[in-house]
C-alpha atoms as a PDB file:
ATOM      1  CA  UNK A   1      43.697  -2.871  32.839  1.00  0.00           C
ATOM      2  CA  UNK A   2      43.934  -6.528  33.174  1.00  0.00           C
ATOM      3  CA  UNK A   3      47.182  -6.442  31.802  1.00  0.00           C
ATOM      4  CA  UNK A   4      48.451  -3.871  34.634  1.00  0.00           C
ATOM      5  CA  UNK A   5      46.803  -5.615  37.625  1.00  0.00           C
ATOM      6  CA  UNK A   6      49.299  -8.671  36.248  1.00  0.00           C
ATOM      7  CA  UNK A   7      51.907  -6.889  35.607  1.00  0.00           C
ATOM      8  CA  UNK A   8      51.716  -5.458  39.254  1.00  0.00           C
ATOM      9  CA  UNK A   9      51.159  -8.780  40.757  1.00  0.00           C
ATOM     10  CA  UNK A  10      54.106 -10.297  38.958  1.00  0.00           C
ATOM     11  CA  UNK A  11      55.888  -7.175  40.198  1.00  0.00           C
ATOM     12  CA  UNK A  12      55.567  -7.812  43.988  1.00  0.00           C
ATOM     13  CA  UNK A  13      55.179 -11.878  44.211  1.00  0.00           C
ATOM     14  CA  UNK A  14      58.413 -11.680  42.059  1.00  0.00           C
ATOM     15  CA  UNK A  15      60.282  -9.224  44.284  1.00  0.00           C
ATOM     16  CA  UNK A  16      58.858 -10.954  47.888  1.00  0.00           C
ATOM     17  CA  UNK A  17      60.380 -13.966  46.512  1.00  0.00           C
ATOM     18  CA  UNK A  18      63.266 -12.565  46.557  1.00  0.00           C
ATOM     19  CA  UNK A  19      63.632  -9.984  49.573  1.00  0.00           C
ATOM     20  CA  UNK A  20      62.007 -12.576  51.750  1.00  0.00           C
ATOM     21  CA  UNK A  21      63.459 -16.041  50.605  1.00  0.00           C
ATOM     22  CA  UNK A  22      66.796 -14.886  48.810  1.00  0.00           C
ATOM     23  CA  UNK A  23      67.487 -11.814  50.266  1.00  0.00           C
ATOM     24  CA  UNK A  24      66.835 -12.257  53.754  1.00  0.00           C
ATOM     25  CA  UNK A  25      66.329 -15.651  54.817  1.00  0.00           C
ATOM     26  CA  UNK A  26      68.789 -17.765  51.836  1.00  0.00           C
ATOM     27  CA  UNK A  27      72.078 -14.490  52.090  1.00  0.00           C
ATOM     28  CA  UNK A  28      71.412 -13.150  55.672  1.00  0.00           C
ATOM     29  CA  UNK A  29      69.795 -15.636  57.521  1.00  0.00           C
ATOM     30  CA  UNK A  30      67.636 -13.032  59.563  1.00  0.00           C
ATOM     31  CA  UNK A  31      65.020 -15.996  60.874  1.00  0.00           C
ATOM     32  CA  UNK A  32      65.097 -19.966  60.296  1.00  0.00           C
ATOM     33  CA  UNK A  33      61.857 -22.051  59.184  1.00  0.00           C
ATOM     34  CA  UNK A  34      61.777 -25.742  58.868  1.00  0.00           C
ATOM     35  CA  UNK A  35      62.501 -27.841  56.155  1.00  0.00           C
ATOM     36  CA  UNK A  36      58.876 -27.961  55.129  1.00  0.00           C
ATOM     37  CA  UNK A  37      58.476 -24.396  54.529  1.00  0.00           C
ATOM     38  CA  UNK A  38      62.109 -24.131  53.123  1.00  0.00           C
ATOM     39  CA  UNK A  39      60.209 -26.092  50.457  1.00  0.00           C
ATOM     40  CA  UNK A  40      57.399 -24.559  50.124  1.00  0.00           C
ATOM     41  CA  UNK A  41      59.071 -21.040  49.799  1.00  0.00           C
ATOM     42  CA  UNK A  42      61.554 -22.791  47.072  1.00  0.00           C
ATOM     43  CA  UNK A  43      58.246 -23.878  45.138  1.00  0.00           C
ATOM     44  CA  UNK A  44      56.244 -20.259  45.681  1.00  0.00           C
ATOM     45  CA  UNK A  45      59.946 -18.727  44.245  1.00  0.00           C
ATOM     46  CA  UNK A  46      59.673 -20.678  41.163  1.00  0.00           C
ATOM     47  CA  UNK A  47      56.758 -19.414  40.465  1.00  0.00           C
ATOM     48  CA  UNK A  48      56.515 -16.251  41.223  1.00  0.00           C
ATOM     49  CA  UNK A  49      59.690 -15.676  39.435  1.00  0.00           C
ATOM     50  CA  UNK A  50      59.049 -18.202  36.268  1.00  0.00           C
ATOM     51  CA  UNK A  51      61.173 -17.310  33.889  1.00  0.00           C
ATOM     52  CA  UNK A  52      63.724 -15.524  35.519  1.00  0.00           C
ATOM     53  CA  UNK A  53      64.069 -18.231  38.548  1.00  0.00           C
ATOM     54  CA  UNK A  54      67.154 -17.313  40.226  1.00  0.00           C
ATOM     55  CA  UNK A  55      68.468 -20.094  42.587  1.00  0.00           C
ATOM     56  CA  UNK A  56      68.844 -19.235  46.710  1.00  0.00           C
ATOM     57  CA  UNK A  57      71.958 -21.255  47.065  1.00  0.00           C
ATOM     58  CA  UNK A  58      74.049 -18.786  44.177  1.00  0.00           C
ATOM     59  CA  UNK A  59      71.882 -15.778  44.905  1.00  0.00           C
ATOM     60  CA  UNK A  60      72.805 -16.474  48.667  1.00  0.00           C
ATOM     61  CA  UNK A  61      76.582 -16.701  48.126  1.00  0.00           C
ATOM     62  CA  UNK A  62      76.562 -13.737  45.777  1.00  0.00           C
ATOM     63  CA  UNK A  63      75.270 -11.577  47.903  1.00  0.00           C
ATOM     64  CA  UNK A  64      77.162 -12.179  50.624  1.00  0.00           C
ATOM     65  CA  UNK A  65      80.354 -11.580  48.582  1.00  0.00           C
ATOM     66  CA  UNK A  66      78.411  -8.211  47.449  1.00  0.00           C
ATOM     67  CA  UNK A  67      78.791  -7.582  50.982  1.00  0.00           C
ATOM     68  CA  UNK A  68      82.126  -8.076  51.483  1.00  0.00           C
ATOM     69  CA  UNK A  69      83.624  -6.709  48.683  1.00  0.00           C
ATOM     70  CA  UNK A  70      81.167  -4.137  48.307  1.00  0.00           C
ATOM     71  CA  UNK A  71      82.576  -1.628  45.277  1.00  0.00           C
ATOM     72  CA  UNK A  72      85.786  -3.023  44.940  1.00  0.00           C
ATOM     73  CA  UNK A  73      87.023  -5.463  42.111  1.00  0.00           C
ATOM     74  CA  UNK A  74      85.599  -8.426  44.021  1.00  0.00           C
ATOM     75  CA  UNK A  75      82.277  -7.116  44.323  1.00  0.00           C
ATOM     76  CA  UNK A  76      80.076  -9.294  41.565  1.00  0.00           C
ATOM     77  CA  UNK A  77      78.247  -6.346  40.769  1.00  0.00           C
ATOM     78  CA  UNK A  78      79.284  -2.529  41.342  1.00  0.00           C
ATOM     79  CA  UNK A  79      78.886   0.104  39.420  1.00  0.00           C
ATOM     80  CA  UNK A  80      82.128   1.324  40.027  1.00  0.00           C
ATOM     81  CA  UNK A  81      83.837  -1.322  37.794  1.00  0.00           C
ATOM     82  CA  UNK A  82      81.065  -1.351  35.049  1.00  0.00           C
ATOM     83  CA  UNK A  83      80.590   0.771  31.948  1.00  0.00           C
ATOM     84  CA  UNK A  84      76.644   0.813  32.197  1.00  0.00           C
ATOM     85  CA  UNK A  85      73.363  -1.043  33.938  1.00  0.00           C
ATOM     86  CA  UNK A  86      73.499  -3.770  30.876  1.00  0.00           C
ATOM     87  CA  UNK A  87      77.376  -4.076  31.613  1.00  0.00           C
ATOM     88  CA  UNK A  88      76.924  -4.529  35.176  1.00  0.00           C
ATOM     89  CA  UNK A  89      73.752  -7.138  34.618  1.00  0.00           C
ATOM     90  CA  UNK A  90      75.789  -9.031  32.222  1.00  0.00           C
ATOM     91  CA  UNK A  91      78.990  -9.532  34.561  1.00  0.00           C
ATOM     92  CA  UNK A  92      76.439 -10.715  37.628  1.00  0.00           C
ATOM     93  CA  UNK A  93      74.501 -13.338  35.388  1.00  0.00           C
ATOM     94  CA  UNK A  94      78.179 -14.816  34.453  1.00  0.00           C
ATOM     95  CA  UNK A  95      79.191 -14.621  38.013  1.00  0.00           C
ATOM     96  CA  UNK A  96      75.927 -16.000  39.188  1.00  0.00           C
ATOM     97  CA  UNK A  97      76.229 -18.820  36.600  1.00  0.00           C
ATOM     98  CA  UNK A  98      79.855 -19.802  37.857  1.00  0.00           C
ATOM     99  CA  UNK A  99      78.664 -19.764  41.136  1.00  0.00           C
ATOM    100  CA  UNK A 100      75.429 -21.424  40.252  1.00  0.00           C
ATOM    101  CA  UNK A 101      77.757 -24.901  38.523  1.00  0.00           C
ATOM    102  CA  UNK A 102      80.312 -24.729  40.667  1.00  0.00           C
ATOM    103  CA  UNK A 103      82.618 -23.280  38.371  1.00  0.00           C
ATOM    104  CA  UNK A 104      83.812 -19.878  40.492  1.00  0.00           C
ATOM    105  CA  UNK A 105      85.921 -20.190  43.403  1.00  0.00           C
ATOM    106  CA  UNK A 106      83.795 -19.529  46.187  1.00  0.00           C
ATOM    107  CA  UNK A 107      84.925 -18.969  49.708  1.00  0.00           C
ATOM    108  CA  UNK A 108      83.863 -21.383  52.527  1.00  0.00           C
ATOM    109  CA  UNK A 109      82.196 -18.710  54.930  1.00  0.00           C
ATOM    110  CA  UNK A 110      80.397 -17.690  51.671  1.00  0.00           C
ATOM    111  CA  UNK A 111      78.075 -21.183  51.913  1.00  0.00           C
ATOM    112  CA  UNK A 112      77.352 -21.391  56.000  1.00  0.00           C
ATOM    113  CA  UNK A 113      73.774 -22.387  55.834  1.00  0.00           C
ATOM    114  CA  UNK A 114      73.410 -22.104  52.032  1.00  0.00           C
ATOM    115  CA  UNK A 115      69.580 -23.312  51.706  1.00  0.00           C
ATOM    116  CA  UNK A 116      69.824 -26.036  48.503  1.00  0.00           C
ATOM    117  CA  UNK A 117      67.198 -27.792  46.975  1.00  0.00           C
ATOM    118  CA  UNK A 118      68.177 -29.624  43.668  1.00  0.00           C
ATOM    119  CA  UNK A 119      65.088 -31.249  42.670  1.00  0.00           C
ATOM    120  CA  UNK A 120      63.831 -27.353  42.280  1.00  0.00           C
ATOM    121  CA  UNK A 121      67.141 -25.971  41.278  1.00  0.00           C
ATOM    122  CA  UNK A 122      66.977 -28.081  38.187  1.00  0.00           C
ATOM    123  CA  UNK A 123      63.693 -27.154  37.117  1.00  0.00           C
ATOM    124  CA  UNK A 124      64.130 -23.524  37.999  1.00  0.00           C
ATOM    125  CA  UNK A 125      67.473 -23.512  35.960  1.00  0.00           C
ATOM    126  CA  UNK A 126      66.123 -24.870  32.771  1.00  0.00           C
ATOM    127  CA  UNK A 127      65.247 -23.596  29.692  1.00  0.00           C
ATOM    128  CA  UNK A 128      62.214 -26.008  28.921  1.00  0.00           C
ATOM    129  CA  UNK A 129      60.951 -24.006  32.262  1.00  0.00           C
ATOM    130  CA  UNK A 130      61.968 -20.563  31.401  1.00  0.00           C
ATOM    131  CA  UNK A 131      60.968 -21.276  27.873  1.00  0.00           C
ATOM    132  CA  UNK A 132      57.226 -22.344  28.783  1.00  0.00           C
ATOM    133  CA  UNK A 133      56.808 -19.420  31.915  1.00  0.00           C
ATOM    134  CA  UNK A 134      57.477 -16.718  28.900  1.00  0.00           C
ATOM    135  CA  UNK A 135      55.152 -18.790  26.683  1.00  0.00           C
ATOM    136  CA  UNK A 136      52.538 -18.550  29.136  1.00  0.00           C
ATOM    137  CA  UNK A 137      53.143 -14.612  30.152  1.00  0.00           C
ATOM    138  CA  UNK A 138      53.341 -14.004  25.866  1.00  0.00           C
ATOM    139  CA  UNK A 139      50.014 -16.035  25.732  1.00  0.00           C
ATOM    140  CA  UNK A 140      48.287 -13.846  28.401  1.00  0.00           C
ATOM    141  CA  UNK A 141      49.659 -10.843  26.625  1.00  0.00           C
ATOM    142  CA  UNK A 142      48.172 -11.519  23.344  1.00  0.00           C
ATOM    143  CA  UNK A 143      44.579 -12.810  24.957  1.00  0.00           C
ATOM    144  CA  UNK A 144      43.830 -10.106  27.310  1.00  0.00           C
ATOM    145  CA  UNK A 145      46.455  -7.027  26.121  1.00  0.00           C
ATOM    146  CA  UNK A 146      43.535  -4.133  24.606  1.00  0.00           C
ATOM    147  CA  UNK A 147      46.360  -1.982  23.032  1.00  0.00           C
ATOM    148  CA  UNK A 148      50.304  -2.535  21.453  1.00  0.00           C
ATOM    149  CA  UNK A 149      51.854  -0.237  23.771  1.00  0.00           C
ATOM    150  CA  UNK A 150      51.194  -3.090  26.794  1.00  0.00           C
ATOM    151  CA  UNK A 151      53.437  -5.284  24.936  1.00  0.00           C
ATOM    152  CA  UNK A 152      56.492  -3.016  26.283  1.00  0.00           C
ATOM    153  CA  UNK A 153      55.853  -4.796  29.605  1.00  0.00           C
ATOM    154  CA  UNK A 154      56.147  -7.618  27.932  1.00  0.00           C
ATOM    155  CA  UNK A 155      60.135  -8.090  28.374  1.00  0.00           C
ATOM    156  CA  UNK A 156      60.374  -7.292  32.099  1.00  0.00           C
ATOM    157  CA  UNK A 157      58.221 -10.075  32.705  1.00  0.00           C
ATOM    158  CA  UNK A 158      61.199 -12.521  31.292  1.00  0.00           C
ATOM    159  CA  UNK A 159      63.345 -10.994  33.220  1.00  0.00           C
ATOM    160  CA  UNK A 160      61.768  -9.922  36.368  1.00  0.00           C
ATOM    161  CA  UNK A 161      64.161 -10.637  39.067  1.00  0.00           C
ATOM    162  CA  UNK A 162      67.595  -9.459  37.151  1.00  0.00           C
ATOM    163  CA  UNK A 163      65.659  -6.451  36.678  1.00  0.00           C
ATOM    164  CA  UNK A 164      64.976  -6.012  40.484  1.00  0.00           C
ATOM    165  CA  UNK A 165      68.604  -6.814  40.911  1.00  0.00           C
ATOM    166  CA  UNK A 166      69.468  -4.060  38.801  1.00  0.00           C
ATOM    167  CA  UNK A 167      67.569  -1.479  40.040  1.00  0.00           C
ATOM    168  CA  UNK A 168      69.407  -1.595  43.406  1.00  0.00           C
ATOM    169  CA  UNK A 169      72.370  -2.782  42.963  1.00  0.00           C
ATOM    170  CA  UNK A 170      72.912   0.443  40.389  1.00  0.00           C
ATOM    171  CA  UNK A 171      70.610   3.250  40.915  1.00  0.00           C
ATOM    172  CA  UNK A 172      71.044   2.938  44.751  1.00  0.00           C
ATOM    173  CA  UNK A 173      75.036   3.002  44.480  1.00  0.00           C
ATOM    174  CA  UNK A 174      74.656   5.696  42.447  1.00  0.00           C
ATOM    175  CA  UNK A 175      71.223   8.234  43.923  1.00  0.00           C
ATOM    176  CA  UNK A 176      69.139   8.847  47.560  1.00  0.00           C
ATOM    177  CA  UNK A 177      70.443   9.862  51.046  1.00  0.00           C
ATOM    178  CA  UNK A 178      72.177   8.092  53.655  1.00  0.00           C
ATOM    179  CA  UNK A 179      71.186   7.886  57.319  1.00  0.00           C
ATOM    180  CA  UNK A 180      74.823   6.344  58.296  1.00  0.00           C
ATOM    181  CA  UNK A 181      78.449   6.043  56.769  1.00  0.00           C
ATOM    182  CA  UNK A 182      79.459   2.998  55.426  1.00  0.00           C
ATOM    183  CA  UNK A 183      82.643   1.533  53.003  1.00  0.00           C
ATOM    184  CA  UNK A 184      80.677   1.912  49.998  1.00  0.00           C
ATOM    185  CA  UNK A 185      78.487   3.911  48.160  1.00  0.00           C
ATOM    186  CA  UNK A 186      75.036   2.201  49.210  1.00  0.00           C
ATOM    187  CA  UNK A 187      72.473   4.437  49.346  1.00  0.00           C
ATOM    188  CA  UNK A 188      68.494   4.851  50.143  1.00  0.00           C
ATOM    189  CA  UNK A 189      66.690   5.064  47.268  1.00  0.00           C
ATOM    190  CA  UNK A 190      63.291   7.337  48.141  1.00  0.00           C
ATOM    191  CA  UNK A 191      62.153   7.541  51.728  1.00  0.00           C
ATOM    192  CA  UNK A 192      58.927   5.366  51.791  1.00  0.00           C
ATOM    193  CA  UNK A 193      59.648   2.533  49.595  1.00  0.00           C
ATOM    194  CA  UNK A 194      56.330   1.321  48.579  1.00  0.00           C
ATOM    195  CA  UNK A 195      57.869   0.318  45.070  1.00  0.00           C
ATOM    196  CA  UNK A 196      60.705  -2.261  45.945  1.00  0.00           C
ATOM    197  CA  UNK A 197      58.965  -3.497  49.282  1.00  0.00           C
ATOM    198  CA  UNK A 198      62.065  -2.236  51.525  1.00  0.00           C
ATOM    199  CA  UNK A 199      64.876  -3.200  49.145  1.00  0.00           C
ATOM    200  CA  UNK A 200      65.520   0.832  48.416  1.00  0.00           C
ATOM    201  CA  UNK A 201      66.804   1.299  51.654  1.00  0.00           C
ATOM    202  CA  UNK A 202      70.006   0.193  50.928  1.00  0.00           C
ATOM    203  CA  UNK A 203      72.526   2.240  52.593  1.00  0.00           C
ATOM    204  CA  UNK A 204      70.088   1.120  56.332  1.00  0.00           C
ATOM    205  CA  UNK A 205      71.010  -2.666  55.019  1.00  0.00           C
ATOM    206  CA  UNK A 206      74.612  -2.183  54.276  1.00  0.00           C
ATOM    207  CA  UNK A 207      74.721  -0.792  57.775  1.00  0.00           C
ATOM    208  CA  UNK A 208      72.533  -2.976  59.872  1.00  0.00           C
ATOM    209  CA  UNK A 209      73.181  -6.228  57.619  1.00  0.00           C
ATOM    210  CA  UNK A 210      71.557  -8.419  59.570  1.00  0.00           C
ATOM    211  CA  UNK A 211      68.320  -6.675  60.617  1.00  0.00           C
ATOM    212  CA  UNK A 212      64.675  -7.901  59.018  1.00  0.00           C
ATOM    213  CA  UNK A 213      63.547  -4.462  59.351  1.00  0.00           C
ATOM    214  CA  UNK A 214      65.198  -2.434  56.403  1.00  0.00           C
ATOM    215  CA  UNK A 215      63.133   1.009  57.536  1.00  0.00           C
ATOM    216  CA  UNK A 216      65.185   2.983  60.167  1.00  0.00           C
ATOM    217  CA  UNK A 217      63.729   6.434  60.296  1.00  0.00           C
ATOM    218  CA  UNK A 218      59.581   6.525  60.847  1.00  0.00           C
ATOM    219  CA  UNK A 219      58.645   7.578  57.855  1.00  0.00           C
ATOM    220  CA  UNK A 220      60.882   4.524  56.120  1.00  0.00           C
ATOM    221  CA  UNK A 221      58.549   1.973  56.003  1.00  0.00           C
ATOM    222  CA  UNK A 222      59.240  -2.111  54.900  1.00  0.00           C
ATOM    223  CA  UNK A 223      56.193  -3.337  53.536  1.00  0.00           C
ATOM    224  CA  UNK A 224      58.018  -7.000  53.752  1.00  0.00           C
ATOM    225  CA  UNK A 225      58.910  -6.568  57.546  1.00  0.00           C
ATOM    226  CA  UNK A 226      54.670  -7.242  58.496  1.00  0.00           C
ATOM    227  CA  UNK A 227      54.991 -10.112  56.700  1.00  0.00           C
ATOM    228  CA  UNK A 228      57.519 -11.564  58.312  1.00  0.00           C
ATOM    229  CA  UNK A 229      56.305 -10.255  61.945  1.00  0.00           C
ATOM    230  CA  UNK A 230      53.320 -12.105  60.744  1.00  0.00           C
ATOM    231  CA  UNK A 231      54.813 -15.291  59.513  1.00  0.00           C
ATOM    232  CA  UNK A 232      56.899 -15.202  62.724  1.00  0.00           C
ATOM    233  CA  UNK A 233      53.428 -15.379  64.989  1.00  0.00           C
ATOM    234  CA  UNK A 234      52.054 -18.253  62.900  1.00  0.00           C
ATOM    235  CA  UNK A 235      55.160 -20.093  63.335  1.00  0.00           C
ATOM    236  CA  UNK A 236      56.083 -20.325  60.002  1.00  0.00           C
ATOM    237  CA  UNK A 237      59.639 -18.573  60.823  1.00  0.00           C
ATOM    238  CA  UNK A 238      61.442 -17.851  63.571  1.00  0.00           C
ATOM    239  CA  UNK A 239      62.872 -14.554  63.682  1.00  0.00           C
ATOM    240  CA  UNK A 240      66.107 -14.313  65.229  1.00  0.00           C
ATOM    241  CA  UNK A 241      66.286 -12.373  68.460  1.00  0.00           C
ATOM    242  CA  UNK A 242      69.536 -10.555  67.868  1.00  0.00           C
ATOM    243  CA  UNK A 243      68.515  -9.246  64.455  1.00  0.00           C
ATOM    244  CA  UNK A 244      70.843  -6.317  64.606  1.00  0.00           C
ATOM    245  CA  UNK A 245      73.982  -8.631  63.393  1.00  0.00           C
ATOM    246  CA  UNK A 246      75.632  -8.862  59.868  1.00  0.00           C
ATOM    247  CA  UNK A 247      75.476 -12.665  58.440  1.00  0.00           C
ATOM    248  CA  UNK A 248      79.345 -12.881  59.209  1.00  0.00           C
END
């Protein structure tokens, strides 16, 4: 039971860092925050994602490219131009690394207001950090696992961030339903998205790219949105008033 609790905690904390800080803030600037809170969430992202830490800088640029070029040859991660989910993940990894290390020819429009803190970026992308987190996960399993099959969850811990991205970028472009007509294959994975904290409403998001609440219909509950509203009330962030516009 402790292993399942640990897995669920890592799943949702990592997912929260990705959907709140990397996606809705770094990529789409749905709200603003001051330098102090930006650094707080930078550190939290490194802790929550651990061995699979994703750079807000590289993620933000790559995600903006995905919206601009969805399901075309320029899309960093489209099922239409991949032979399978692992092929797509490998291509995404290569483009991500090229953007991170300034080897990819990025259009200037995709870099506007992208957060960057070199200190955490260098720590999070360092292999000593990644291996260290992986060792920590492994030791936890060795100490607390009660059955051999629980170790089958361990590889997901190592690649938690990319796994979350692959679920949406692959399955939400293949399966689900649509509320809006968009010029790509984005779909809503499930009518109530507790599993992916709102990220599963992919069709809604592709239509309303700057909207902080990914749910649109009455049954489409976005668990991340109440947290955003709370942070806005507390003054941690400032939610943009004109919130239905895209980042562009």
